[in-house]
Each structure stands twice: as structure tokens, then as C-alpha cells.
Amino acid sequence: MPDTPPTLLYCRCAYAQVVPTGVKNEVLQRLCDSGVSFETVSDLCEMAAHRDPRLQSLAQCGKLRIAACFPRAVKGLFHQAGAALTDDALILNMRSLSAEKIAAQMLTSSDVPPASEN
């Protein structure tokens, strides 16, 4: 049985506006250009505040890779929505990493260790 590809989630961070626009746009463009399937949401913070059930569905996906904000904040948002992330979730911080590095880690076909940015 072939290995299941990771589930990719891109957060636009539309309301908090704490992620540099250039990084957000470049990550999104690289994901679009790659031709891989990914899910985009306007704002994980808003989804958590409304306890959006999609967060539970996403948390249950294996090999979830998330381009958003600080890993501790993203984990907290999912927890707040009653949707704890699994230990293998990879959260890439668009506030501190380059778009190139984020896209590379999102799109790699191999398992990558969790990012260490808090």
C-alpha cells in the first residue's frame, strides 16, 4: 500500500495580520504552482473562536502540515476548538521562517521533523 501523502493546510491569517504579507503570498503562490492539493483557511484564530468543526476534521488527518504562525499558538487554537493535534503535525511559522523554507517543508515527500520555533 502506498504511503499516504501529508495533508497541507495554509492559513491566510486574514484578521490578525501578524504574518508578513510577502511571506504569506509567496508561500501561497509556491503551493499553487506545485500542483499539489492543499486546503486554505482565512484565519485559524477565527475558526478556533467559533469552534469550527473543520478543525476537528483537520486534526484527525494524518501527517498534517500547517503553514501559519507560532507552533504553540496553533496547537493552542486547535486545543481551544476541542481538536488536539497529533504529535506528527508539522507547524511552520510564517512569522519567522522564509517562504522558501516553508514551501520546501510543506512540499517534501518525506517525513520531516517538527519545526522548533515556538
Protein backbone atom coordinates (compact mmCIF):
# COMPACT_ATOMS: atom_id res chain seq x y z
CA MET A 1 0.00 0.00 0.00
CA PRO A 2 1.49 3.39 -0.97
CA ASP A 3 2.37 5.89 1.73
CA THR A 4 -0.39 8.42 2.38
CA PRO A 5 0.63 11.95 1.37
CA PRO A 6 0.54 14.64 4.04
CA THR A 7 -2.46 16.91 4.43
CA LEU A 8 -1.41 20.50 3.76
CA LEU A 9 -3.13 23.42 5.46
CA TYR A 10 -2.37 27.06 4.69
CA CYS A 11 -3.67 29.82 6.97
CA ARG A 12 -4.10 33.24 5.39
CA CYS A 13 -4.05 34.92 8.85
CA ALA A 14 -6.56 37.40 7.45
CA TYR A 15 -7.67 39.07 10.66
CA ALA A 16 -4.66 39.18 12.98
CA GLN A 17 -2.36 40.35 10.16
CA VAL A 18 0.74 39.33 12.11
CA VAL A 19 2.37 37.36 9.29
CA PRO A 20 4.33 39.41 6.73
CA THR A 21 2.24 39.78 3.58
CA GLY A 22 5.15 38.95 1.28
CA VAL A 23 5.78 35.64 3.05
CA LYS A 24 2.08 34.70 3.04
CA ASN A 25 1.73 35.50 -0.63
CA GLU A 26 4.89 33.69 -1.68
CA VAL A 27 4.02 30.54 0.31
CA LEU A 28 0.56 30.51 -1.24
CA GLN A 29 1.99 31.02 -4.73
CA ARG A 30 4.50 28.20 -4.28
CA LEU A 31 1.76 25.85 -3.07
CA CYS A 32 -0.43 26.79 -6.05
CA ASP A 33 2.45 26.39 -8.50
CA SER A 34 3.29 22.94 -7.11
CA GLY A 35 0.02 21.43 -8.30
CA VAL A 36 -0.45 19.52 -5.03
CA SER A 37 -3.75 19.50 -3.20
CA PHE A 38 -3.93 21.73 -0.13
CA GLU A 39 -6.55 23.39 2.00
CA THR A 40 -6.54 27.08 2.72
CA VAL A 41 -8.41 28.86 5.51
CA SER A 42 -8.82 32.57 6.00
CA ASP A 43 -7.91 32.57 9.70
CA LEU A 44 -7.30 29.73 12.18
CA CYS A 45 -7.82 32.14 15.09
CA GLU A 46 -11.34 32.95 13.91
CA MET A 47 -12.09 29.27 13.30
CA ALA A 48 -10.99 28.39 16.84
CA ALA A 49 -13.01 31.24 18.33
CA HIS A 50 -16.12 29.84 16.63
CA ARG A 51 -15.15 26.23 17.40
CA ASP A 52 -15.40 25.45 13.70
CA PRO A 53 -15.91 21.67 13.28
CA ARG A 54 -13.50 21.69 10.33
CA LEU A 55 -10.66 21.99 12.84
CA GLN A 56 -11.61 18.61 14.31
CA SER A 57 -11.60 17.07 10.83
CA LEU A 58 -8.21 18.59 10.08
CA ALA A 59 -6.73 17.49 13.42
CA GLN A 60 -7.66 13.91 12.60
CA CYS A 61 -5.79 13.96 9.30
CA GLY A 62 -2.57 12.04 9.40
CA LYS A 63 0.66 13.82 8.61
CA LEU A 64 -0.83 17.31 8.86
CA ARG A 65 1.47 20.15 7.77
CA ILE A 66 0.35 23.65 8.65
CA ALA A 67 1.73 26.96 7.40
CA ALA A 68 0.55 29.54 9.91
CA CYS A 69 2.02 31.16 12.99
CA PHE A 70 3.92 30.09 16.12
CA PRO A 71 3.53 26.33 16.71
CA ARG A 72 2.50 26.83 20.34
CA ALA A 73 -0.25 29.24 19.24
CA VAL A 74 -1.54 26.92 16.52
CA LYS A 75 -1.60 23.97 18.93
CA GLY A 76 -3.49 26.15 21.40
CA LEU A 77 -6.05 27.15 18.78
CA PHE A 78 -6.78 23.55 17.87
CA HIS A 79 -6.96 22.63 21.57
CA GLN A 80 -9.35 25.54 22.22
CA ALA A 81 -11.62 24.14 19.50
CA GLY A 82 -11.55 20.68 21.10
CA ALA A 83 -9.37 19.32 18.31
CA ALA A 84 -5.94 18.45 19.69
CA LEU A 85 -3.27 17.95 17.06
CA THR A 86 -1.37 14.69 16.83
CA ASP A 87 2.34 14.61 17.66
CA ASP A 88 3.25 14.20 14.00
CA ALA A 89 1.67 17.53 12.97
CA LEU A 90 4.27 19.88 11.47
CA ILE A 91 3.61 23.57 12.10
CA LEU A 92 5.65 26.03 10.09
CA ASN A 93 5.88 29.58 11.38
CA MET A 94 5.38 32.14 8.61
CA ARG A 95 6.34 34.86 11.09
CA SER A 96 9.92 33.63 11.41
CA LEU A 97 10.75 31.29 8.51
CA SER A 98 11.33 32.20 4.89
CA ALA A 99 8.70 31.38 2.29
CA GLU A 100 11.26 29.19 0.53
CA LYS A 101 11.88 27.08 3.65
CA ILE A 102 8.17 26.79 4.47
CA ALA A 103 7.26 25.71 0.94
CA ALA A 104 10.10 23.21 0.85
CA GLN A 105 8.98 21.61 4.11
CA MET A 106 5.32 21.66 3.12
CA LEU A 107 6.02 20.05 -0.24
CA THR A 108 8.68 17.48 0.60
CA SER A 109 7.57 13.92 0.08
CA SER A 110 9.46 12.62 3.09
CA ASP A 111 8.56 12.92 6.73
CA VAL A 112 10.28 15.91 8.26
CA PRO A 113 10.89 16.55 11.95
CA PRO A 114 8.67 19.14 13.64
CA ALA A 115 9.91 22.72 13.38
CA SER A 116 11.39 24.01 16.60
CA GLU A 117 10.12 27.61 16.50
CA ASN A 118 7.83 28.34 19.42
